[in-house]
């Protein structure tokens, strides 16, 4: 399970939903049932079924095993990859894709903005350790095509490392979860 390249807008839209992203994170390691994931998330399993069904229908989550259990069947799922990347061709301006891509990006940024503003408000109301303060950065990078390629690879390697740590970690009382948003793209003016 390496990288899955998202080639359909329907799949990309699912990845903009924070709840569905949390589900993908939970299903990212060993195969689990919806009930097991619900228990770990502190949710009721019925709340997760339609989200799991949507992820399966779009090919982001796969059924890997079915086990009979007391007159029912337990279904074990896992993600189809450890990392998801959106195919740049998905954002071409043909066939109305640009509008759908723009809405998808707005959704990602709105949910990220909402989460960050909530965290910053919590920071104002309590004393937190520096490691628990949100880290937000925007920068511009200049380099040769080879240097940019190497930076992109380092970012991809770091994301793989993050996923590996997450997959190896069982939920315990001292486990904390972080969410990140990474966009690395050429500047429009590119001068």
N, C-alpha and C. Protein backbone atom coordinates (compact mmCIF):
# COMPACT_ATOMS: atom_id res chain seq x y z
N UNK A 1 0.85 -1.19 0.00
CA UNK A 1 0.00 0.00 0.00
C UNK A 1 0.89 1.24 0.00
N UNK A 2 1.06 1.84 -1.14
CA UNK A 2 1.87 3.04 -1.23
C UNK A 2 0.97 4.25 -1.43
N UNK A 3 1.01 4.79 -2.64
CA UNK A 3 0.24 5.99 -2.95
C UNK A 3 -0.87 5.66 -3.94
N UNK A 4 -2.04 6.18 -3.66
CA UNK A 4 -3.18 6.03 -4.57
C UNK A 4 -3.41 7.38 -5.22
N UNK A 5 -3.44 7.42 -6.54
CA UNK A 5 -3.66 8.67 -7.26
C UNK A 5 -5.15 8.81 -7.53
N UNK A 6 -5.74 9.84 -6.97
CA UNK A 6 -7.16 10.13 -7.12
C UNK A 6 -7.37 10.76 -8.49
N UNK A 7 -8.19 10.12 -9.31
CA UNK A 7 -8.38 10.59 -10.68
C UNK A 7 -9.81 11.04 -10.97
N UNK A 8 -10.70 10.91 -9.99
CA UNK A 8 -12.09 11.31 -10.19
C UNK A 8 -12.48 12.35 -9.14
N UNK A 9 -13.23 13.35 -9.57
CA UNK A 9 -13.66 14.40 -8.65
C UNK A 9 -14.50 13.85 -7.51
N UNK A 10 -15.29 12.82 -7.75
CA UNK A 10 -16.11 12.24 -6.70
C UNK A 10 -15.23 11.73 -5.56
N UNK A 11 -14.10 11.11 -5.92
CA UNK A 11 -13.16 10.63 -4.90
C UNK A 11 -12.53 11.82 -4.17
N UNK A 12 -12.11 12.81 -4.92
CA UNK A 12 -11.46 13.98 -4.32
C UNK A 12 -12.40 14.70 -3.37
N UNK A 13 -13.67 14.79 -3.72
CA UNK A 13 -14.64 15.44 -2.84
C UNK A 13 -14.75 14.72 -1.51
N UNK A 14 -14.71 13.39 -1.54
CA UNK A 14 -14.77 12.63 -0.30
C UNK A 14 -13.58 12.95 0.60
N UNK A 15 -12.44 13.20 -0.01
CA UNK A 15 -11.24 13.51 0.77
C UNK A 15 -11.27 14.90 1.39
N UNK A 16 -12.25 15.72 1.01
CA UNK A 16 -12.37 17.05 1.63
C UNK A 16 -13.22 17.02 2.88
N UNK A 17 -13.89 15.91 3.15
CA UNK A 17 -14.75 15.78 4.33
C UNK A 17 -13.88 15.37 5.52
N UNK A 18 -13.78 16.23 6.55
CA UNK A 18 -12.91 15.90 7.70
C UNK A 18 -13.28 14.58 8.37
N UNK A 19 -14.57 14.26 8.46
CA UNK A 19 -14.98 13.01 9.10
C UNK A 19 -14.52 11.81 8.29
N UNK A 20 -14.68 11.89 6.98
CA UNK A 20 -14.24 10.78 6.12
C UNK A 20 -12.71 10.63 6.16
N UNK A 21 -12.01 11.74 6.28
CA UNK A 21 -10.55 11.66 6.42
C UNK A 21 -10.16 10.95 7.71
N UNK A 22 -10.89 11.23 8.79
CA UNK A 22 -10.61 10.55 10.06
C UNK A 22 -10.87 9.05 9.91
N UNK A 23 -11.93 8.71 9.19
CA UNK A 23 -12.20 7.29 8.96
C UNK A 23 -11.05 6.64 8.18
N UNK A 24 -10.60 7.31 7.14
CA UNK A 24 -9.49 6.75 6.35
C UNK A 24 -8.24 6.59 7.21
N UNK A 25 -7.99 7.53 8.11
CA UNK A 25 -6.85 7.40 9.02
C UNK A 25 -6.99 6.16 9.89
N UNK A 26 -8.19 5.94 10.43
CA UNK A 26 -8.42 4.80 11.32
C UNK A 26 -8.34 3.46 10.57
N UNK A 27 -8.79 3.44 9.34
CA UNK A 27 -8.73 2.21 8.56
C UNK A 27 -7.38 2.04 7.87
N UNK A 28 -6.44 2.94 8.10
CA UNK A 28 -5.17 2.94 7.40
C UNK A 28 -4.19 1.88 7.82
N UNK A 29 -4.35 1.28 8.95
CA UNK A 29 -3.41 0.26 9.40
C UNK A 29 -3.93 -1.13 9.12
N UNK A 30 -4.02 -1.93 10.18
CA UNK A 30 -4.53 -3.29 10.01
C UNK A 30 -6.02 -3.23 9.72
N UNK A 31 -6.54 -4.23 9.00
CA UNK A 31 -7.97 -4.25 8.69
C UNK A 31 -8.81 -4.22 9.97
N UNK A 32 -9.89 -3.41 9.92
CA UNK A 32 -10.77 -3.27 11.08
C UNK A 32 -12.22 -3.26 10.62
N UNK A 33 -13.11 -3.57 11.56
CA UNK A 33 -14.54 -3.48 11.28
C UNK A 33 -15.01 -2.05 11.56
N UNK A 34 -16.17 -1.73 11.01
CA UNK A 34 -16.74 -0.41 11.26
C UNK A 34 -17.00 -0.24 12.76
N UNK A 35 -17.43 -1.29 13.43
CA UNK A 35 -17.68 -1.25 14.88
C UNK A 35 -16.39 -0.96 15.63
N UNK A 36 -15.30 -1.60 15.27
CA UNK A 36 -14.02 -1.36 15.94
C UNK A 36 -13.59 0.09 15.77
N UNK A 37 -13.73 0.63 14.56
CA UNK A 37 -13.36 2.02 14.31
C UNK A 37 -14.28 2.96 15.09
N UNK A 38 -15.58 2.66 15.10
CA UNK A 38 -16.53 3.49 15.84
C UNK A 38 -16.16 3.53 17.32
N UNK A 39 -15.83 2.38 17.90
CA UNK A 39 -15.43 2.33 19.30
C UNK A 39 -14.20 3.19 19.57
N UNK A 40 -13.22 3.12 18.69
CA UNK A 40 -12.00 3.92 18.87
C UNK A 40 -12.26 5.41 18.73
N UNK A 41 -13.26 5.75 17.93
CA UNK A 41 -13.59 7.17 17.72
C UNK A 41 -14.60 7.68 18.73
N UNK A 42 -15.13 6.79 19.56
CA UNK A 42 -16.14 7.20 20.52
C UNK A 42 -17.48 7.51 19.85
N UNK A 43 -17.74 6.83 18.75
CA UNK A 43 -18.97 7.04 17.97
C UNK A 43 -19.81 5.77 18.00
N UNK A 44 -21.06 5.90 17.62
CA UNK A 44 -21.94 4.75 17.43
C UNK A 44 -21.73 4.24 16.00
N UNK A 45 -21.64 2.94 15.84
CA UNK A 45 -21.36 2.35 14.53
C UNK A 45 -22.35 2.77 13.45
N UNK A 46 -23.66 2.86 13.73
CA UNK A 46 -24.59 3.26 12.66
C UNK A 46 -24.26 4.62 12.03
N UNK A 47 -23.65 5.52 12.81
CA UNK A 47 -23.28 6.82 12.25
C UNK A 47 -22.21 6.68 11.15
N UNK A 48 -21.41 5.63 11.23
CA UNK A 48 -20.30 5.46 10.30
C UNK A 48 -20.67 4.71 9.02
N UNK A 49 -21.73 3.93 9.05
CA UNK A 49 -22.03 3.04 7.92
C UNK A 49 -22.13 3.77 6.58
N UNK A 50 -22.86 4.86 6.50
CA UNK A 50 -23.01 5.53 5.20
C UNK A 50 -21.69 6.13 4.73
N UNK A 51 -20.86 6.59 5.67
CA UNK A 51 -19.55 7.13 5.30
C UNK A 51 -18.64 6.02 4.78
N UNK A 52 -18.65 4.88 5.46
CA UNK A 52 -17.85 3.74 5.02
C UNK A 52 -18.33 3.27 3.66
N UNK A 53 -19.65 3.18 3.49
CA UNK A 53 -20.21 2.76 2.19
C UNK A 53 -19.76 3.69 1.07
N UNK A 54 -19.76 5.00 1.32
CA UNK A 54 -19.34 5.97 0.31
C UNK A 54 -17.87 5.78 -0.05
N UNK A 55 -17.02 5.56 0.96
CA UNK A 55 -15.60 5.36 0.72
C UNK A 55 -15.34 4.06 -0.05
N UNK A 56 -16.10 3.03 0.25
CA UNK A 56 -15.98 1.76 -0.47
C UNK A 56 -16.45 1.94 -1.92
N UNK A 57 -17.59 2.60 -2.08
CA UNK A 57 -18.16 2.79 -3.43
C UNK A 57 -17.22 3.56 -4.34
N UNK A 58 -16.45 4.48 -3.78
CA UNK A 58 -15.52 5.26 -4.59
C UNK A 58 -14.12 4.64 -4.67
N UNK A 59 -13.95 3.46 -4.07
CA UNK A 59 -12.69 2.74 -4.21
C UNK A 59 -11.55 3.24 -3.33
N UNK A 60 -11.87 3.99 -2.27
CA UNK A 60 -10.82 4.48 -1.36
C UNK A 60 -10.63 3.55 -0.16
N UNK A 61 -11.65 2.77 0.11
CA UNK A 61 -11.63 1.79 1.20
C UNK A 61 -12.02 0.46 0.59
N UNK A 62 -11.38 -0.63 1.02
CA UNK A 62 -11.69 -1.93 0.43
C UNK A 62 -12.04 -2.95 1.50
N UNK A 63 -12.95 -3.81 1.15
CA UNK A 63 -13.32 -4.94 2.00
C UNK A 63 -12.24 -6.00 1.83
N UNK A 64 -11.60 -6.40 2.94
CA UNK A 64 -10.51 -7.37 2.83
C UNK A 64 -10.86 -8.73 3.40
N UNK A 65 -11.91 -8.78 4.26
CA UNK A 65 -12.25 -10.07 4.85
C UNK A 65 -13.65 -10.01 5.45
N UNK A 66 -14.32 -11.14 5.39
CA UNK A 66 -15.62 -11.30 6.05
C UNK A 66 -15.54 -12.51 6.96
N UNK A 67 -15.96 -12.33 8.22
CA UNK A 67 -15.93 -13.43 9.19
C UNK A 67 -17.31 -13.61 9.79
N UNK A 68 -17.85 -14.83 9.74
CA UNK A 68 -19.13 -15.07 10.40
C UNK A 68 -18.97 -14.94 11.91
N UNK A 69 -19.97 -14.31 12.54
CA UNK A 69 -19.91 -14.15 14.00
C UNK A 69 -21.33 -14.11 14.54
N UNK A 70 -21.71 -15.11 15.28
CA UNK A 70 -23.01 -15.20 15.94
C UNK A 70 -24.18 -14.78 15.05
N UNK A 71 -24.33 -15.42 13.92
CA UNK A 71 -25.46 -15.17 13.05
C UNK A 71 -25.34 -13.92 12.19
N UNK A 72 -24.23 -13.25 12.25
CA UNK A 72 -24.00 -12.07 11.42
C UNK A 72 -22.64 -12.21 10.74
N UNK A 73 -22.26 -11.22 9.99
CA UNK A 73 -20.97 -11.25 9.31
C UNK A 73 -20.21 -9.98 9.68
N UNK A 74 -18.99 -10.14 10.17
CA UNK A 74 -18.11 -8.99 10.43
C UNK A 74 -17.33 -8.70 9.17
N UNK A 75 -17.35 -7.45 8.73
CA UNK A 75 -16.62 -7.04 7.54
C UNK A 75 -15.41 -6.20 7.95
N UNK A 76 -14.26 -6.61 7.47
CA UNK A 76 -13.01 -5.91 7.79
C UNK A 76 -12.57 -5.10 6.58
N UNK A 77 -12.28 -3.82 6.82
CA UNK A 77 -11.89 -2.90 5.76
C UNK A 77 -10.51 -2.32 6.04
N UNK A 78 -9.90 -1.81 4.98
CA UNK A 78 -8.68 -1.00 5.12
C UNK A 78 -8.60 -0.09 3.89
N UNK A 79 -7.79 0.96 4.02
CA UNK A 79 -7.61 1.89 2.91
C UNK A 79 -6.87 1.20 1.77
N UNK A 80 -7.07 1.69 0.56
CA UNK A 80 -6.41 1.09 -0.60
C UNK A 80 -4.95 1.53 -0.72
N UNK A 81 -4.55 2.53 0.07
CA UNK A 81 -3.17 3.02 0.04
C UNK A 81 -2.88 3.71 1.36
N UNK A 82 -1.61 3.94 1.61
CA UNK A 82 -1.23 4.65 2.82
C UNK A 82 -1.22 6.16 2.60
N UNK A 83 -1.23 6.58 1.34
CA UNK A 83 -1.24 8.02 1.03
C UNK A 83 -2.08 8.24 -0.22
N UNK A 84 -2.80 9.35 -0.24
CA UNK A 84 -3.63 9.70 -1.38
C UNK A 84 -3.11 11.00 -1.98
N UNK A 85 -2.96 11.01 -3.31
CA UNK A 85 -2.58 12.22 -4.04
C UNK A 85 -3.60 12.45 -5.13
N UNK A 86 -3.88 13.72 -5.37
CA UNK A 86 -4.84 14.07 -6.42
C UNK A 86 -4.09 14.27 -7.72
N UNK A 87 -4.55 13.62 -8.78
CA UNK A 87 -3.96 13.75 -10.10
C UNK A 87 -4.10 15.19 -10.57
N UNK A 88 -3.00 15.87 -10.91
CA UNK A 88 -3.10 17.26 -11.37
C UNK A 88 -4.03 17.44 -12.57
N UNK A 89 -4.17 16.43 -13.41
CA UNK A 89 -5.05 16.52 -14.56
C UNK A 89 -6.51 16.65 -14.17
N UNK A 90 -6.81 16.31 -12.93
CA UNK A 90 -8.18 16.43 -12.43
C UNK A 90 -8.64 17.87 -12.40
N UNK A 91 -7.70 18.78 -12.34
CA UNK A 91 -8.03 20.20 -12.24
C UNK A 91 -7.95 20.93 -13.58
N UNK A 92 -7.96 20.20 -14.67
CA UNK A 92 -7.93 20.86 -15.97
C UNK A 92 -9.21 21.67 -16.13
N UNK A 93 -9.17 22.65 -17.00
CA UNK A 93 -10.30 23.56 -17.15
C UNK A 93 -11.32 23.08 -18.16
N UNK A 94 -11.21 21.85 -18.61
CA UNK A 94 -12.17 21.35 -19.58
C UNK A 94 -13.34 20.67 -18.89
N UNK A 95 -14.45 20.61 -19.56
CA UNK A 95 -15.63 19.88 -19.13
C UNK A 95 -16.17 20.28 -17.76
N UNK A 96 -16.01 21.54 -17.39
CA UNK A 96 -16.57 21.99 -16.12
C UNK A 96 -15.81 21.50 -14.90
N UNK A 97 -14.68 20.85 -15.12
CA UNK A 97 -13.90 20.34 -13.99
C UNK A 97 -13.37 21.46 -13.11
N UNK A 98 -13.10 22.62 -13.69
CA UNK A 98 -12.51 23.71 -12.92
C UNK A 98 -13.46 24.15 -11.81
N UNK A 99 -14.76 24.25 -12.10
CA UNK A 99 -15.72 24.65 -11.07
C UNK A 99 -15.78 23.63 -9.94
N UNK A 100 -15.81 22.36 -10.30
CA UNK A 100 -15.86 21.30 -9.28
C UNK A 100 -14.58 21.29 -8.46
N UNK A 101 -13.45 21.47 -9.11
CA UNK A 101 -12.18 21.50 -8.39
C UNK A 101 -12.12 22.70 -7.47
N UNK A 102 -12.60 23.84 -7.93
CA UNK A 102 -12.61 25.05 -7.10
C UNK A 102 -13.47 24.83 -5.87
N UNK A 103 -14.62 24.21 -6.02
CA UNK A 103 -15.50 23.94 -4.87
C UNK A 103 -14.85 22.97 -3.91
N UNK A 104 -14.16 21.97 -4.45
CA UNK A 104 -13.47 21.02 -3.60
C UNK A 104 -12.39 21.72 -2.76
N UNK A 105 -11.60 22.57 -3.42
CA UNK A 105 -10.55 23.30 -2.70
C UNK A 105 -11.15 24.23 -1.66
N UNK A 106 -12.23 24.92 -2.00
CA UNK A 106 -12.90 25.79 -1.02
C UNK A 106 -13.34 24.99 0.20
N UNK A 107 -13.87 23.81 -0.03
CA UNK A 107 -14.32 22.96 1.07
C UNK A 107 -13.16 22.58 1.97
N UNK A 108 -12.03 22.20 1.37
CA UNK A 108 -10.84 21.85 2.15
C UNK A 108 -10.39 23.05 2.99
N UNK A 109 -10.32 24.21 2.36
CA UNK A 109 -9.84 25.39 3.08
C UNK A 109 -10.82 25.87 4.14
N UNK A 110 -12.12 25.76 3.87
CA UNK A 110 -13.12 26.15 4.88
C UNK A 110 -13.03 25.27 6.12
N UNK A 111 -12.95 23.96 5.91
CA UNK A 111 -12.88 23.07 7.07
C UNK A 111 -11.56 23.25 7.82
N UNK A 112 -10.47 23.47 7.10
CA UNK A 112 -9.18 23.72 7.76
C UNK A 112 -9.23 25.02 8.53
N UNK A 113 -9.79 26.07 7.92
CA UNK A 113 -9.91 27.35 8.60
C UNK A 113 -10.74 27.22 9.88
N UNK A 114 -11.85 26.52 9.79
CA UNK A 114 -12.72 26.34 10.95
C UNK A 114 -11.99 25.61 12.08
N UNK A 115 -11.29 24.54 11.73
CA UNK A 115 -10.56 23.78 12.74
C UNK A 115 -9.47 24.63 13.39
N UNK A 116 -8.71 25.36 12.57
CA UNK A 116 -7.62 26.20 13.10
C UNK A 116 -8.14 27.33 13.97
N UNK A 117 -9.20 28.00 13.53
CA UNK A 117 -9.76 29.09 14.34
C UNK A 117 -10.25 28.57 15.69
N UNK A 118 -10.85 27.39 15.68
CA UNK A 118 -11.28 26.78 16.94
C UNK A 118 -10.10 26.49 17.85
N UNK A 119 -9.01 25.99 17.27
CA UNK A 119 -7.81 25.70 18.07
C UNK A 119 -7.18 26.98 18.62
N UNK A 120 -7.13 28.03 17.79
CA UNK A 120 -6.55 29.29 18.26
C UNK A 120 -7.40 29.89 19.38
N UNK A 121 -8.72 29.73 19.29
CA UNK A 121 -9.59 30.22 20.35
C UNK A 121 -9.33 29.45 21.64
N UNK A 122 -9.15 28.14 21.54
CA UNK A 122 -8.83 27.34 22.72
C UNK A 122 -7.50 27.77 23.31
N UNK A 123 -6.54 28.12 22.45
CA UNK A 123 -5.23 28.57 22.93
C UNK A 123 -5.36 29.83 23.77
N UNK A 124 -6.24 30.74 23.34
CA UNK A 124 -6.45 31.98 24.08
C UNK A 124 -7.05 31.72 25.46
N UNK A 125 -7.83 30.64 25.58
CA UNK A 125 -8.54 30.36 26.82
C UNK A 125 -7.76 29.48 27.78
N UNK A 126 -6.65 28.90 27.35
CA UNK A 126 -5.90 28.01 28.22
C UNK A 126 -4.41 28.12 27.93
N UNK A 127 -3.65 27.68 28.90
CA UNK A 127 -2.20 27.60 28.72
C UNK A 127 -1.89 26.25 28.09
N UNK A 128 -1.20 26.24 26.98
CA UNK A 128 -0.83 24.98 26.31
C UNK A 128 0.67 24.88 26.18
N UNK A 129 1.12 23.64 26.10
CA UNK A 129 2.53 23.42 25.84
C UNK A 129 2.83 23.86 24.41
N UNK A 130 4.01 24.39 24.15
CA UNK A 130 4.35 24.87 22.80
C UNK A 130 4.15 23.82 21.70
N UNK A 131 4.36 22.54 22.01
CA UNK A 131 4.20 21.49 20.99
C UNK A 131 2.74 21.28 20.58
N UNK A 132 1.81 21.81 21.37
CA UNK A 132 0.39 21.62 21.07
C UNK A 132 -0.24 22.84 20.42
N UNK A 133 0.56 23.84 20.12
CA UNK A 133 0.07 25.03 19.44
C UNK A 133 0.09 24.76 17.94
N UNK A 134 -1.00 25.11 17.24
CA UNK A 134 -1.00 24.88 15.79
C UNK A 134 0.17 25.59 15.11
N UNK A 135 0.74 24.92 14.14
CA UNK A 135 1.88 25.43 13.38
C UNK A 135 1.40 25.69 11.97
N UNK A 136 1.38 26.95 11.58
CA UNK A 136 0.91 27.33 10.25
C UNK A 136 2.00 28.13 9.57
N UNK A 137 2.28 27.81 8.32
CA UNK A 137 3.36 28.49 7.62
C UNK A 137 3.02 28.58 6.14
N UNK A 138 3.35 29.70 5.56
CA UNK A 138 3.25 29.85 4.11
C UNK A 138 4.60 30.39 3.64
N UNK A 139 5.13 29.82 2.60
CA UNK A 139 6.42 30.27 2.10
C UNK A 139 6.49 30.13 0.60
N UNK A 140 7.41 30.86 0.04
CA UNK A 140 7.69 30.75 -1.40
C UNK A 140 9.10 30.18 -1.53
N UNK A 141 9.26 29.27 -2.45
CA UNK A 141 10.54 28.60 -2.65
C UNK A 141 11.00 28.83 -4.08
N UNK A 142 12.28 29.17 -4.22
CA UNK A 142 12.88 29.28 -5.55
C UNK A 142 14.00 28.26 -5.64
N UNK A 143 14.11 27.65 -6.79
CA UNK A 143 15.16 26.66 -6.98
C UNK A 143 15.18 26.17 -8.41
N UNK A 144 16.17 25.37 -8.70
CA UNK A 144 16.24 24.76 -10.02
C UNK A 144 15.18 23.66 -10.08
N UNK A 145 14.83 23.22 -11.28
CA UNK A 145 13.88 22.11 -11.37
C UNK A 145 14.34 20.89 -10.56
N UNK A 146 15.61 20.61 -10.55
CA UNK A 146 16.12 19.46 -9.78
C UNK A 146 15.94 19.69 -8.28
N UNK A 147 16.24 20.91 -7.81
CA UNK A 147 16.06 21.21 -6.38
C UNK A 147 14.60 21.10 -5.97
N UNK A 148 13.70 21.59 -6.81
CA UNK A 148 12.27 21.51 -6.52
C UNK A 148 11.83 20.04 -6.49
N UNK A 149 12.34 19.24 -7.42
CA UNK A 149 12.02 17.82 -7.44
C UNK A 149 12.48 17.15 -6.15
N UNK A 150 13.67 17.51 -5.68
CA UNK A 150 14.19 16.93 -4.44
C UNK A 150 13.37 17.37 -3.23
N UNK A 151 12.95 18.64 -3.19
CA UNK A 151 12.10 19.12 -2.10
C UNK A 151 10.76 18.39 -2.09
N UNK A 152 10.20 18.23 -3.27
CA UNK A 152 8.92 17.51 -3.38
C UNK A 152 9.07 16.08 -2.86
N UNK A 153 10.18 15.43 -3.19
CA UNK A 153 10.42 14.06 -2.72
C UNK A 153 10.57 14.03 -1.20
N UNK A 154 11.26 15.03 -0.64
CA UNK A 154 11.40 15.09 0.83
C UNK A 154 10.04 15.24 1.50
N UNK A 155 9.17 16.06 0.92
CA UNK A 155 7.82 16.22 1.47
C UNK A 155 7.05 14.90 1.39
N UNK A 156 7.17 14.21 0.26
CA UNK A 156 6.50 12.92 0.10
C UNK A 156 7.04 11.91 1.11
N UNK A 157 8.36 11.90 1.32
CA UNK A 157 8.96 10.99 2.29
C UNK A 157 8.49 11.30 3.71
N UNK A 158 8.39 12.59 4.04
CA UNK A 158 7.92 12.99 5.37
C UNK A 158 6.47 12.55 5.58
N UNK A 159 5.63 12.69 4.55
CA UNK A 159 4.24 12.24 4.68
C UNK A 159 4.18 10.73 4.87
N UNK A 160 5.04 10.00 4.18
CA UNK A 160 5.10 8.55 4.36
C UNK A 160 5.52 8.20 5.79
N UNK A 161 6.49 8.95 6.32
CA UNK A 161 6.93 8.73 7.69
C UNK A 161 5.79 9.01 8.68
N UNK A 162 5.05 10.09 8.45
CA UNK A 162 3.90 10.41 9.31
C UNK A 162 2.88 9.29 9.29
N UNK A 163 2.58 8.78 8.10
CA UNK A 163 1.60 7.70 7.97
C UNK A 163 2.10 6.45 8.69
N UNK A 164 3.38 6.13 8.56
CA UNK A 164 3.94 4.93 9.19
C UNK A 164 3.84 5.04 10.71
N UNK A 165 4.12 6.20 11.26
CA UNK A 165 4.00 6.41 12.71
C UNK A 165 2.56 6.20 13.13
N UNK A 166 1.63 6.78 12.37
CA UNK A 166 0.21 6.68 12.69
C UNK A 166 -0.28 5.23 12.61
N UNK A 167 0.15 4.51 11.60
CA UNK A 167 -0.28 3.12 11.44
C UNK A 167 0.26 2.23 12.55
N UNK A 168 1.46 2.54 13.04
CA UNK A 168 2.08 1.72 14.08
C UNK A 168 1.54 2.04 15.47
N UNK A 169 0.85 3.14 15.61
CA UNK A 169 0.40 3.60 16.92
C UNK A 169 -1.01 3.11 17.23
N UNK A 170 -1.16 2.43 18.35
CA UNK A 170 -2.48 2.06 18.83
C UNK A 170 -3.04 3.22 19.64
N UNK A 171 -4.35 3.36 19.66
CA UNK A 171 -4.97 4.41 20.47
C UNK A 171 -4.81 4.08 21.94
N UNK A 172 -4.18 4.98 22.67
CA UNK A 172 -4.01 4.86 24.11
C UNK A 172 -4.37 6.20 24.73
N UNK A 173 -4.50 6.27 26.05
CA UNK A 173 -4.84 7.56 26.66
C UNK A 173 -3.83 8.67 26.37
N UNK A 174 -2.58 8.33 26.09
CA UNK A 174 -1.59 9.37 25.83
C UNK A 174 -1.39 9.66 24.33
N UNK A 175 -2.20 9.02 23.47
CA UNK A 175 -2.10 9.25 22.04
C UNK A 175 -2.79 10.56 21.67
N UNK A 176 -2.13 11.37 20.87
CA UNK A 176 -2.72 12.60 20.35
C UNK A 176 -2.79 12.49 18.83
N UNK A 177 -3.76 13.19 18.25
CA UNK A 177 -3.93 13.17 16.80
C UNK A 177 -3.71 14.57 16.25
N UNK A 178 -3.07 14.64 15.12
CA UNK A 178 -2.83 15.91 14.43
C UNK A 178 -3.34 15.78 13.00
N UNK A 179 -3.73 16.88 12.44
CA UNK A 179 -4.16 16.95 11.05
C UNK A 179 -3.28 17.96 10.35
N UNK A 180 -2.95 17.70 9.11
CA UNK A 180 -2.13 18.64 8.35
C UNK A 180 -2.70 18.86 6.96
N UNK A 181 -2.38 19.97 6.42
CA UNK A 181 -2.76 20.30 5.04
C UNK A 181 -1.48 20.76 4.35
N UNK A 182 -1.15 20.12 3.26
CA UNK A 182 0.07 20.44 2.54
C UNK A 182 -0.27 20.70 1.08
N UNK A 183 0.14 21.85 0.59
CA UNK A 183 -0.02 22.17 -0.83
C UNK A 183 1.33 22.67 -1.33
N UNK A 184 1.83 22.06 -2.37
CA UNK A 184 3.13 22.43 -2.92
C UNK A 184 2.92 22.56 -4.42
N UNK A 185 2.97 23.76 -4.93
CA UNK A 185 2.56 24.01 -6.30
C UNK A 185 3.37 25.15 -6.90
N UNK A 186 3.48 25.20 -8.22
CA UNK A 186 4.21 26.30 -8.87
C UNK A 186 3.44 27.61 -8.74
N UNK A 187 4.17 28.69 -8.55
CA UNK A 187 3.52 29.99 -8.49
C UNK A 187 2.96 30.33 -9.88
N UNK A 188 1.83 31.02 -9.87
CA UNK A 188 1.17 31.34 -11.14
C UNK A 188 2.05 32.22 -12.02
N UNK A 189 2.71 33.23 -11.42
CA UNK A 189 3.54 34.13 -12.24
C UNK A 189 4.88 33.51 -12.56
N UNK A 190 5.38 32.61 -11.69
CA UNK A 190 6.61 31.83 -11.88
C UNK A 190 7.72 32.62 -12.56
N UNK A 191 7.99 33.80 -12.04
CA UNK A 191 9.06 34.64 -12.62
C UNK A 191 10.39 34.37 -11.99
